[in-house]
């Protein structure tokens, strides 16, 4: 099953350039309908703003869309879109709202500001890898807890939760193809005392 990059969540960031406010927002979206609905929400939320420039990228159908919403052509939507193409992030909507500050920025200034606002919003959202993950239960004695956490990170996974009882039971998220190698390393680390169980597999965003 393919893997690809998506926003980890919602992100918002603000940039001020010569008294103009640029408010960038990023969402993970699955369809054009969802992207357009989000855009309308932004227009309602910031109804007094002059511009709501946008771009979105959808993996299914290879959809790329952007709009300058009254800004000079090529100064807003395209530089925003370029941020996501460069980072190879898909299934994403970005809207940058501008409150005009009374000072003209020129084409170069607008291009830089819209691109920067989009990048700041993406940084705020974070990036996840959409792929098939194995959810594992790994019970371990307290003496091995820190070493187990480090091993999970080394194998490209994450500890979703830890249940502290007589032993620690870690719920671990790992790329499905790496689960068996992780299980073997845990057996070696614990001298066979810890048995890792696979609870399920999920196609979802997870750590990079």
C-alpha atoms as a PDB file:
ATOM      1  CA  UNK A   1       0.000   0.000   0.000  1.00  0.00           C
ATOM      2  CA  UNK A   2       1.395   3.419  -0.954  1.00  0.00           C
ATOM      3  CA  UNK A   3       2.579   5.975   1.576  1.00  0.00           C
ATOM      4  CA  UNK A   4       2.422   9.736   1.197  1.00  0.00           C
ATOM      5  CA  UNK A   5       2.739  12.933   3.234  1.00  0.00           C
ATOM      6  CA  UNK A   6      -0.234  14.861   4.670  1.00  0.00           C
ATOM      7  CA  UNK A   7      -0.674  17.610   7.268  1.00  0.00           C
ATOM      8  CA  UNK A   8      -0.547  16.129  10.771  1.00  0.00           C
ATOM      9  CA  UNK A   9      -3.452  18.338  11.833  1.00  0.00           C
ATOM     10  CA  UNK A  10      -4.772  21.882  11.695  1.00  0.00           C
ATOM     11  CA  UNK A  11      -2.247  24.707  11.668  1.00  0.00           C
ATOM     12  CA  UNK A  12      -2.580  28.486  11.895  1.00  0.00           C
ATOM     13  CA  UNK A  13       0.083  31.184  11.796  1.00  0.00           C
ATOM     14  CA  UNK A  14       0.209  34.934  11.290  1.00  0.00           C
ATOM     15  CA  UNK A  15       2.707  37.143   9.494  1.00  0.00           C
ATOM     16  CA  UNK A  16       2.789  40.964   9.453  1.00  0.00           C
ATOM     17  CA  UNK A  17       4.467  42.680   6.508  1.00  0.00           C
ATOM     18  CA  UNK A  18       4.376  46.489   6.258  1.00  0.00           C
ATOM     19  CA  UNK A  19       1.241  46.581   8.424  1.00  0.00           C
ATOM     20  CA  UNK A  20      -0.584  44.007   6.269  1.00  0.00           C
ATOM     21  CA  UNK A  21      -1.684  40.936   8.272  1.00  0.00           C
ATOM     22  CA  UNK A  22      -1.398  37.549   6.582  1.00  0.00           C
ATOM     23  CA  UNK A  23      -3.236  34.776   8.452  1.00  0.00           C
ATOM     24  CA  UNK A  24      -2.347  31.336   7.127  1.00  0.00           C
ATOM     25  CA  UNK A  25      -4.384  28.208   7.850  1.00  0.00           C
ATOM     26  CA  UNK A  26      -3.785  24.592   6.831  1.00  0.00           C
ATOM     27  CA  UNK A  27      -6.103  21.553   6.991  1.00  0.00           C
ATOM     28  CA  UNK A  28      -5.972  17.963   5.818  1.00  0.00           C
ATOM     29  CA  UNK A  29      -8.833  17.442   3.334  1.00  0.00           C
ATOM     30  CA  UNK A  30     -10.035  14.458   1.328  1.00  0.00           C
ATOM     31  CA  UNK A  31     -12.152  16.087  -1.409  1.00  0.00           C
ATOM     32  CA  UNK A  32     -12.757  19.297  -3.343  1.00  0.00           C
ATOM     33  CA  UNK A  33     -16.121  19.644  -1.595  1.00  0.00           C
ATOM     34  CA  UNK A  34     -14.419  19.593   1.801  1.00  0.00           C
ATOM     35  CA  UNK A  35     -11.797  22.108   0.633  1.00  0.00           C
ATOM     36  CA  UNK A  36     -14.441  24.517  -0.687  1.00  0.00           C
ATOM     37  CA  UNK A  37     -16.488  24.191   2.513  1.00  0.00           C
ATOM     38  CA  UNK A  38     -13.422  25.075   4.614  1.00  0.00           C
ATOM     39  CA  UNK A  39     -12.722  28.056   2.363  1.00  0.00           C
ATOM     40  CA  UNK A  40     -16.272  29.333   2.896  1.00  0.00           C
ATOM     41  CA  UNK A  41     -15.825  28.945   6.660  1.00  0.00           C
ATOM     42  CA  UNK A  42     -12.728  31.146   6.487  1.00  0.00           C
ATOM     43  CA  UNK A  43     -14.568  33.782   4.462  1.00  0.00           C
ATOM     44  CA  UNK A  44     -17.274  33.880   7.124  1.00  0.00           C
ATOM     45  CA  UNK A  45     -14.802  33.940  10.019  1.00  0.00           C
ATOM     46  CA  UNK A  46     -12.758  36.800   8.519  1.00  0.00           C
ATOM     47  CA  UNK A  47     -15.631  38.454   6.672  1.00  0.00           C
ATOM     48  CA  UNK A  48     -14.053  41.920   6.907  1.00  0.00           C
ATOM     49  CA  UNK A  49     -10.765  40.909   5.233  1.00  0.00           C
ATOM     50  CA  UNK A  50      -9.959  42.000   1.701  1.00  0.00           C
ATOM     51  CA  UNK A  51      -8.437  38.771   0.350  1.00  0.00           C
ATOM     52  CA  UNK A  52      -8.785  35.030   1.031  1.00  0.00           C
ATOM     53  CA  UNK A  53      -6.224  33.358  -1.227  1.00  0.00           C
ATOM     54  CA  UNK A  54      -6.105  29.571  -1.342  1.00  0.00           C
ATOM     55  CA  UNK A  55      -4.575  26.443  -2.765  1.00  0.00           C
ATOM     56  CA  UNK A  56      -5.310  22.768  -2.381  1.00  0.00           C
ATOM     57  CA  UNK A  57      -3.712  19.525  -3.491  1.00  0.00           C
ATOM     58  CA  UNK A  58      -5.605  16.228  -3.645  1.00  0.00           C
ATOM     59  CA  UNK A  59      -3.880  12.934  -4.290  1.00  0.00           C
ATOM     60  CA  UNK A  60      -6.872  11.241  -5.888  1.00  0.00           C
ATOM     61  CA  UNK A  61      -7.139  12.548  -9.433  1.00  0.00           C
ATOM     62  CA  UNK A  62      -3.985  14.637  -9.074  1.00  0.00           C
ATOM     63  CA  UNK A  63      -6.026  17.783  -8.326  1.00  0.00           C
ATOM     64  CA  UNK A  64      -4.165  21.110  -7.983  1.00  0.00           C
ATOM     65  CA  UNK A  65      -6.164  24.315  -7.489  1.00  0.00           C
ATOM     66  CA  UNK A  66      -5.326  27.839  -6.375  1.00  0.00           C
ATOM     67  CA  UNK A  67      -6.861  31.295  -6.376  1.00  0.00           C
ATOM     68  CA  UNK A  68      -5.526  34.844  -5.941  1.00  0.00           C
ATOM     69  CA  UNK A  69      -8.858  36.372  -4.804  1.00  0.00           C
ATOM     70  CA  UNK A  70      -8.188  39.829  -6.221  1.00  0.00           C
ATOM     71  CA  UNK A  71      -4.425  39.957  -5.690  1.00  0.00           C
ATOM     72  CA  UNK A  72      -2.267  40.443  -8.808  1.00  0.00           C
ATOM     73  CA  UNK A  73      -2.164  37.220 -10.797  1.00  0.00           C
ATOM     74  CA  UNK A  74       0.558  34.831  -9.669  1.00  0.00           C
ATOM     75  CA  UNK A  75       1.385  36.639  -6.411  1.00  0.00           C
ATOM     76  CA  UNK A  76      -0.653  34.562  -3.931  1.00  0.00           C
ATOM     77  CA  UNK A  77      -2.131  31.164  -4.800  1.00  0.00           C
ATOM     78  CA  UNK A  78       0.818  29.952  -6.888  1.00  0.00           C
ATOM     79  CA  UNK A  79       3.554  30.742  -4.321  1.00  0.00           C
ATOM     80  CA  UNK A  80       1.348  29.123  -1.656  1.00  0.00           C
ATOM     81  CA  UNK A  81       0.918  26.012  -3.818  1.00  0.00           C
ATOM     82  CA  UNK A  82       4.675  25.872  -4.418  1.00  0.00           C
ATOM     83  CA  UNK A  83       5.228  25.384  -0.664  1.00  0.00           C
ATOM     84  CA  UNK A  84       3.221  22.142  -0.649  1.00  0.00           C
ATOM     85  CA  UNK A  85       4.648  20.869  -3.926  1.00  0.00           C
ATOM     86  CA  UNK A  86       8.172  21.408  -2.571  1.00  0.00           C
ATOM     87  CA  UNK A  87       7.360  19.610   0.695  1.00  0.00           C
ATOM     88  CA  UNK A  88       5.481  16.870  -1.256  1.00  0.00           C
ATOM     89  CA  UNK A  89       2.441  17.269   1.007  1.00  0.00           C
ATOM     90  CA  UNK A  90      -0.918  16.255  -0.453  1.00  0.00           C
ATOM     91  CA  UNK A  91      -4.574  16.135   0.655  1.00  0.00           C
ATOM     92  CA  UNK A  92      -4.070  19.644   1.939  1.00  0.00           C
ATOM     93  CA  UNK A  93      -5.913  22.964   1.844  1.00  0.00           C
ATOM     94  CA  UNK A  94      -4.199  26.244   2.658  1.00  0.00           C
ATOM     95  CA  UNK A  95      -5.985  29.591   2.967  1.00  0.00           C
ATOM     96  CA  UNK A  96      -4.121  32.834   3.583  1.00  0.00           C
ATOM     97  CA  UNK A  97      -6.304  35.761   4.609  1.00  0.00           C
ATOM     98  CA  UNK A  98      -4.908  39.266   4.148  1.00  0.00           C
ATOM     99  CA  UNK A  99      -5.896  42.424   5.976  1.00  0.00           C
ATOM    100  CA  UNK A 100      -4.454  45.288   3.923  1.00  0.00           C
ATOM    101  CA  UNK A 101      -2.251  47.603   5.976  1.00  0.00           C
ATOM    102  CA  UNK A 102      -2.294  50.603   3.664  1.00  0.00           C
ATOM    103  CA  UNK A 103       1.168  50.114   2.163  1.00  0.00           C
ATOM    104  CA  UNK A 104       1.581  48.469  -1.256  1.00  0.00           C
ATOM    105  CA  UNK A 105       3.962  45.509  -1.145  1.00  0.00           C
ATOM    106  CA  UNK A 106       4.542  45.052  -4.861  1.00  0.00           C
ATOM    107  CA  UNK A 107       4.474  41.728  -6.685  1.00  0.00           C
ATOM    108  CA  UNK A 108       7.692  40.458  -5.108  1.00  0.00           C
ATOM    109  CA  UNK A 109       6.606  41.417  -1.599  1.00  0.00           C
ATOM    110  CA  UNK A 110       3.226  39.755  -2.011  1.00  0.00           C
ATOM    111  CA  UNK A 111       4.752  36.570  -3.415  1.00  0.00           C
ATOM    112  CA  UNK A 112       7.166  36.281  -0.494  1.00  0.00           C
ATOM    113  CA  UNK A 113       4.518  37.080   2.129  1.00  0.00           C
ATOM    114  CA  UNK A 114       1.920  34.616   0.843  1.00  0.00           C
ATOM    115  CA  UNK A 115       4.511  31.861   0.469  1.00  0.00           C
ATOM    116  CA  UNK A 116       5.915  32.541   3.946  1.00  0.00           C
ATOM    117  CA  UNK A 117       2.453  32.550   5.558  1.00  0.00           C
ATOM    118  CA  UNK A 118       1.649  29.201   3.923  1.00  0.00           C
ATOM    119  CA  UNK A 119       4.950  27.698   5.139  1.00  0.00           C
ATOM    120  CA  UNK A 120       4.402  28.972   8.701  1.00  0.00           C
ATOM    121  CA  UNK A 121       0.905  27.469   8.748  1.00  0.00           C
ATOM    122  CA  UNK A 122       2.252  24.126   7.476  1.00  0.00           C
ATOM    123  CA  UNK A 123       4.966  24.194  10.145  1.00  0.00           C
ATOM    124  CA  UNK A 124       2.243  24.796  12.752  1.00  0.00           C
ATOM    125  CA  UNK A 125       0.207  21.858  11.413  1.00  0.00           C
ATOM    126  CA  UNK A 126       3.169  19.484  11.126  1.00  0.00           C
ATOM    127  CA  UNK A 127       3.594  16.704   8.578  1.00  0.00           C
ATOM    128  CA  UNK A 128       2.601  13.039   8.924  1.00  0.00           C
ATOM    129  CA  UNK A 129       3.115  10.027   6.706  1.00  0.00           C
ATOM    130  CA  UNK A 130      -0.082   8.285   5.609  1.00  0.00           C
ATOM    131  CA  UNK A 131       0.696   4.583   5.421  1.00  0.00           C
ATOM    132  CA  UNK A 132      -0.132   1.157   6.846  1.00  0.00           C
ATOM    133  CA  UNK A 133       0.832   1.053  10.531  1.00  0.00           C
ATOM    134  CA  UNK A 134       0.923  -1.879  12.928  1.00  0.00           C
ATOM    135  CA  UNK A 135      -0.458  -1.301  16.419  1.00  0.00           C
ATOM    136  CA  UNK A 136       1.532  -3.448  18.848  1.00  0.00           C
ATOM    137  CA  UNK A 137       1.160  -4.234  22.546  1.00  0.00           C
ATOM    138  CA  UNK A 138       4.549  -4.500  24.223  1.00  0.00           C
ATOM    139  CA  UNK A 139       4.501  -5.375  27.951  1.00  0.00           C
ATOM    140  CA  UNK A 140       7.844  -4.838  29.631  1.00  0.00           C
ATOM    141  CA  UNK A 141       9.346  -4.548  33.126  1.00  0.00           C
ATOM    142  CA  UNK A 142      10.072  -1.053  34.423  1.00  0.00           C
ATOM    143  CA  UNK A 143      13.797  -1.749  34.102  1.00  0.00           C
ATOM    144  CA  UNK A 144      13.423  -1.929  30.304  1.00  0.00           C
ATOM    145  CA  UNK A 145      10.946   0.945  29.871  1.00  0.00           C
ATOM    146  CA  UNK A 146      13.364   3.655  28.689  1.00  0.00           C
ATOM    147  CA  UNK A 147      15.290   1.270  26.452  1.00  0.00           C
ATOM    148  CA  UNK A 148      12.034   0.123  24.865  1.00  0.00           C
ATOM    149  CA  UNK A 149      11.014   3.726  24.159  1.00  0.00           C
ATOM    150  CA  UNK A 150      14.371   4.382  22.511  1.00  0.00           C
ATOM    151  CA  UNK A 151      14.042   1.199  20.441  1.00  0.00           C
ATOM    152  CA  UNK A 152      10.594   2.269  19.201  1.00  0.00           C
ATOM    153  CA  UNK A 153      12.025   5.635  18.066  1.00  0.00           C
ATOM    154  CA  UNK A 154      15.017   3.944  16.440  1.00  0.00           C
ATOM    155  CA  UNK A 155      12.618   1.728  14.442  1.00  0.00           C
ATOM    156  CA  UNK A 156      10.676   4.765  13.157  1.00  0.00           C
ATOM    157  CA  UNK A 157       7.665   4.339  15.397  1.00  0.00           C
ATOM    158  CA  UNK A 158       5.947   6.084  18.272  1.00  0.00           C
ATOM    159  CA  UNK A 159       4.581   5.118  21.673  1.00  0.00           C
ATOM    160  CA  UNK A 160       0.852   5.895  21.546  1.00  0.00           C
ATOM    161  CA  UNK A 161       0.254   5.173  25.215  1.00  0.00           C
ATOM    162  CA  UNK A 162       1.761   3.520  28.295  1.00  0.00           C
ATOM    163  CA  UNK A 163      -0.217   1.665  30.945  1.00  0.00           C
ATOM    164  CA  UNK A 164       1.656   1.527  34.240  1.00  0.00           C
ATOM    165  CA  UNK A 165       0.675  -1.496  36.340  1.00  0.00           C
ATOM    166  CA  UNK A 166       2.707  -4.424  37.644  1.00  0.00           C
ATOM    167  CA  UNK A 167       4.620  -4.001  34.378  1.00  0.00           C
ATOM    168  CA  UNK A 168       4.485  -1.255  31.762  1.00  0.00           C
ATOM    169  CA  UNK A 169       2.341  -2.075  28.724  1.00  0.00           C
ATOM    170  CA  UNK A 170       3.306   0.072  25.763  1.00  0.00           C
ATOM    171  CA  UNK A 171       0.979   0.593  22.819  1.00  0.00           C
ATOM    172  CA  UNK A 172       3.331   1.091  19.903  1.00  0.00           C
ATOM    173  CA  UNK A 173       2.680   2.416  16.395  1.00  0.00           C
ATOM    174  CA  UNK A 174       5.162   1.143  13.801  1.00  0.00           C
ATOM    175  CA  UNK A 175       5.300   0.931  10.008  1.00  0.00           C
ATOM    176  CA  UNK A 176       3.697  -2.444   9.280  1.00  0.00           C
ATOM    177  CA  UNK A 177       6.700  -3.674   7.304  1.00  0.00           C
ATOM    178  CA  UNK A 178       9.016  -2.994  10.292  1.00  0.00           C
ATOM    179  CA  UNK A 179       6.930  -4.779  12.936  1.00  0.00           C
ATOM    180  CA  UNK A 180       8.690  -8.145  12.633  1.00  0.00           C
ATOM    181  CA  UNK A 181      12.170  -6.601  12.870  1.00  0.00           C
ATOM    182  CA  UNK A 182      11.035  -4.661  15.969  1.00  0.00           C
ATOM    183  CA  UNK A 183       9.684  -7.876  17.530  1.00  0.00           C
ATOM    184  CA  UNK A 184      13.053  -9.602  16.963  1.00  0.00           C
ATOM    185  CA  UNK A 185      14.976  -6.707  18.505  1.00  0.00           C
ATOM    186  CA  UNK A 186      12.683  -6.710  21.563  1.00  0.00           C
ATOM    187  CA  UNK A 187      13.278 -10.457  21.985  1.00  0.00           C
ATOM    188  CA  UNK A 188      17.026  -9.818  21.913  1.00  0.00           C
ATOM    189  CA  UNK A 189      16.814  -6.820  24.257  1.00  0.00           C
ATOM    190  CA  UNK A 190      14.724  -8.691  26.836  1.00  0.00           C
ATOM    191  CA  UNK A 191      16.452 -12.076  26.427  1.00  0.00           C
ATOM    192  CA  UNK A 192      13.094 -13.496  25.338  1.00  0.00           C
ATOM    193  CA  UNK A 193      11.174 -12.184  28.373  1.00  0.00           C
ATOM    194  CA  UNK A 194       8.981  -9.726  26.422  1.00  0.00           C
ATOM    195  CA  UNK A 195       6.460 -10.901  23.825  1.00  0.00           C
ATOM    196  CA  UNK A 196       5.155  -8.255  21.425  1.00  0.00           C
ATOM    197  CA  UNK A 197       1.604  -8.795  20.174  1.00  0.00           C
ATOM    198  CA  UNK A 198       0.044  -7.270  17.049  1.00  0.00           C
ATOM    199  CA  UNK A 199      -3.351  -5.790  17.937  1.00  0.00           C
ATOM    200  CA  UNK A 200      -4.338  -4.448  14.511  1.00  0.00           C
ATOM    201  CA  UNK A 201      -3.144  -2.708  11.358  1.00  0.00           C
ATOM    202  CA  UNK A 202      -4.439   0.721  10.294  1.00  0.00           C
ATOM    203  CA  UNK A 203      -3.973   2.910   7.230  1.00  0.00           C
ATOM    204  CA  UNK A 204      -3.608   6.322   8.868  1.00  0.00           C
ATOM    205  CA  UNK A 205      -1.257   9.275   9.352  1.00  0.00           C
ATOM    206  CA  UNK A 206       1.609   8.676  11.731  1.00  0.00           C
ATOM    207  CA  UNK A 207       5.074   9.943  12.647  1.00  0.00           C
ATOM    208  CA  UNK A 208       7.620  10.600   9.924  1.00  0.00           C
END
